[in-house]
Protein backbone atom coordinates (compact mmCIF):
# COMPACT_ATOMS: atom_id res chain seq x y z
CA MET A 1 24.68 -17.52 52.83
CA ASN A 2 20.92 -16.78 52.61
CA PHE A 3 19.32 -19.06 55.39
CA GLY A 4 15.53 -17.92 54.22
CA LEU A 5 13.35 -20.55 52.89
CA LYS A 6 12.68 -18.47 49.85
CA SER A 7 15.78 -19.30 47.19
CA VAL A 8 14.38 -19.12 43.87
CA GLU A 9 13.67 -15.68 42.38
CA SER A 10 12.37 -16.62 38.85
CA VAL A 11 12.20 -19.49 36.48
CA CYS A 12 11.72 -19.12 32.96
CA VAL A 13 12.23 -21.38 29.51
CA LEU A 14 13.40 -19.38 26.27
CA ASP A 15 13.12 -20.48 23.11
CA ALA A 16 16.02 -20.92 20.46
CA GLN A 17 15.20 -16.93 19.23
CA GLY A 18 15.07 -15.78 23.10
CA THR A 19 11.30 -15.62 23.44
CA ARG A 20 9.76 -16.64 26.72
CA LEU A 21 7.96 -20.05 26.71
CA ILE A 22 7.50 -19.87 30.46
CA GLY A 23 8.10 -17.16 32.96
CA LYS A 24 7.33 -17.19 36.80
CA TYR A 25 8.73 -14.68 38.85
CA TYR A 26 8.94 -14.59 42.90
CA ASN A 27 9.56 -10.96 43.41
CA ASP A 28 8.19 -7.80 42.42
CA TRP A 29 9.70 -7.34 38.97
CA ASP A 30 7.47 -5.70 36.56
CA GLN A 31 7.10 -6.77 33.05
CA LEU A 32 9.70 -4.50 31.52
CA LYS A 33 12.27 -5.56 33.89
CA GLN A 34 11.48 -9.55 33.42
CA THR A 35 11.76 -8.96 29.65
CA GLU A 36 15.11 -6.87 29.69
CA PHE A 37 16.61 -9.59 32.33
CA GLU A 38 15.64 -12.49 29.78
CA LYS A 39 17.09 -10.59 26.76
CA LYS A 40 20.43 -10.44 28.90
CA ILE A 41 20.18 -13.99 29.72
CA PHE A 42 19.61 -14.81 26.10
CA GLN A 43 22.39 -12.55 25.11
CA LYS A 44 25.05 -14.21 27.29
CA LYS A 45 23.67 -17.66 26.64
CA PRO A 46 25.11 -19.12 29.86
CA GLN A 47 25.60 -22.86 30.05
CA ASP A 48 25.76 -23.29 33.80
CA VAL A 49 26.21 -20.60 36.36
CA VAL A 50 26.91 -16.87 36.10
CA LEU A 51 26.58 -13.70 37.82
CA LEU A 52 24.32 -11.32 36.04
CA ASP A 53 22.83 -8.10 37.37
CA GLY A 54 23.77 -9.53 40.92
CA LYS A 55 21.75 -12.38 40.63
CA LEU A 56 22.86 -16.13 40.50
CA VAL A 57 21.88 -17.67 37.12
CA LEU A 58 21.54 -21.25 36.24
CA ALA A 59 20.80 -22.00 32.90
CA LYS A 60 20.98 -25.47 30.77
CA THR A 61 19.92 -25.97 27.14
CA VAL A 62 17.90 -28.99 26.26
CA VAL A 63 17.20 -29.50 22.44
CA ASP A 64 15.93 -26.06 21.36
CA VAL A 65 14.98 -24.58 24.76
CA LEU A 66 16.92 -22.56 27.70
CA PHE A 67 15.93 -23.45 31.02
CA VAL A 68 16.96 -20.90 33.51
CA LEU A 69 16.54 -20.60 37.23
CA VAL A 70 17.40 -17.41 38.93
CA GLY A 71 18.50 -17.02 42.59
CA ASN A 72 19.90 -14.33 45.00
CA ALA A 73 23.56 -13.79 44.44
CA ASN A 74 24.18 -15.18 47.99
CA GLU A 75 22.09 -18.40 47.61
CA ASN A 76 23.70 -21.93 47.63
CA GLU A 77 24.66 -22.54 43.74
CA ILE A 78 24.78 -26.34 44.54
CA LEU A 79 21.36 -26.40 45.66
CA LEU A 80 19.79 -24.33 42.56
CA HIS A 81 21.93 -26.40 40.33
CA ASN A 82 20.41 -29.32 41.68
CA ALA A 83 16.66 -27.99 41.75
CA LEU A 84 17.18 -27.18 37.92
CA GLY A 85 18.73 -30.56 37.16
CA VAL A 86 15.58 -32.06 39.11
CA TRP A 87 13.08 -30.21 37.16
CA ILE A 88 14.56 -31.03 33.82
CA GLU A 89 14.57 -34.94 34.69
CA ALA A 90 11.01 -34.87 35.63
CA LEU A 91 10.31 -33.17 32.47
CA GLN A 92 12.30 -36.04 30.49
CA ILE A 93 10.33 -38.57 32.25
CA LEU A 94 6.86 -36.75 32.19
CA LEU A 95 7.50 -36.03 28.17
CA LYS A 96 9.05 -39.11 27.55
CA ASN A 97 12.61 -37.62 26.70
CA GLN A 98 10.96 -35.19 24.26
CA VAL A 99 11.89 -32.02 25.86
CA GLU A 100 11.63 -29.64 22.96
CA LYS A 101 9.70 -26.60 22.26
CA ARG A 102 6.79 -27.88 20.05
CA VAL A 103 6.24 -30.72 23.05
CA ILE A 104 6.56 -28.35 25.94
CA MET A 105 3.82 -26.04 24.18
CA ASP A 106 1.48 -29.17 23.43
CA SER A 107 1.90 -30.34 27.13
CA LEU A 108 2.11 -26.84 28.75
CA ASP A 109 -0.17 -27.87 31.69
CA VAL A 110 2.22 -30.80 32.57
CA VAL A 111 4.96 -28.64 32.38
CA LEU A 112 3.65 -25.88 34.49
CA LEU A 113 2.15 -28.27 36.93
CA SER A 114 5.82 -29.66 37.18
CA LEU A 115 7.08 -26.18 38.00
CA ASP A 116 4.37 -25.58 40.63
CA GLU A 117 5.20 -28.98 42.41
CA LEU A 118 9.22 -27.88 42.32
CA VAL A 119 8.68 -24.27 43.52
CA ASP A 120 6.10 -22.47 45.56
CA ASP A 121 6.40 -18.59 45.59
CA GLY A 122 10.37 -19.06 45.89
CA VAL A 123 10.62 -21.86 47.89
CA LEU A 124 12.09 -25.17 46.68
CA LEU A 125 9.84 -28.24 47.62
CA GLU A 126 11.29 -30.88 45.79
CA PHE A 127 14.75 -32.65 44.84
CA ASP A 128 13.77 -36.03 43.56
CA PRO A 129 12.96 -35.94 39.76
CA GLN A 130 10.96 -39.58 40.22
CA HIS A 131 8.84 -38.20 42.94
CA LEU A 132 8.23 -34.89 41.39
CA ALA A 133 7.22 -36.73 38.23
CA SER A 134 4.81 -38.87 40.03
CA ARG A 135 3.38 -35.96 42.20
CA VAL A 136 2.11 -34.48 38.52
CA THR A 137 1.00 -37.71 37.41
CA LYS A 138 -1.08 -38.42 40.35
CA ARG A 139 -3.52 -35.76 39.25
CA GLY A 140 -3.97 -37.34 36.04
CA ALA A 141 -3.97 -40.91 37.19
CA GLU A 142 -7.77 -40.90 37.94
CA VAL A 143 -8.17 -40.15 33.98
CA GLU A 144 -6.21 -43.02 33.17
CA ILE A 145 -7.82 -45.36 35.08
CA GLN A 146 -11.17 -44.29 33.72
CA ASP A 147 -9.85 -44.73 30.25
CA GLN A 148 -8.54 -48.00 31.14
CA SER A 149 -11.76 -49.25 32.54
CA LEU A 150 -13.79 -47.78 29.35
CA SER A 151 -11.46 -49.72 27.20
CA GLN A 152 -12.10 -52.83 29.18
CA VAL A 153 -15.86 -52.52 28.99
CA TRP A 154 -15.53 -51.99 25.27
CA ARG A 155 -13.78 -55.25 24.84
CA GLN A 156 -16.24 -57.07 27.21
CA ALA A 157 -18.95 -55.71 25.07
CA GLN A 158 -17.25 -56.67 21.86
CA GLU A 159 -16.59 -60.40 23.39
CA GLN A 160 -20.20 -60.36 24.47
CA LEU A 161 -21.58 -59.72 21.28
CA THR A 162 -19.57 -61.83 19.15
CA ARG A 163 -20.50 -64.62 21.54
CA SER A 164 -24.03 -63.77 21.19
CA PHE A 165 -23.90 -63.93 17.35
CA LEU A 166 -21.92 -67.21 17.37
CA LYS A 167 -24.63 -68.94 19.26
């Protein structure tokens, strides 16, 4: 059992052809090693927990994307499995249950922000999908409030114009 804080070595999202959509590595792997490892993962197409090249690989397919979380072979697989599930559930909340390649690419900022809120330099930070989703949307809440205020102002202006014309 690894008692250090760092429990995640990498997180990646692959599409149906095995192409990387998102890849974050928290170790010193070079680009070539990352690509080779992703190809091995895609060829194996794991649907739960497997040991690959001495690494614990947890994967889950959602629609047309494969979510992968990689940890040390000595890491707690239940902890990593839970973390992967939390991230996917948070994405379902954030993306309104449309977790698929097109939506992920369109909302890449939200997806990457949720990943950053889940894992920081290999350290897992969050284990509640609702809380993770709310932490991501807090940064966007200001924009929604401004949009709401603008629409309210617009409605009030329309009502005032209508009243002024009716007088």
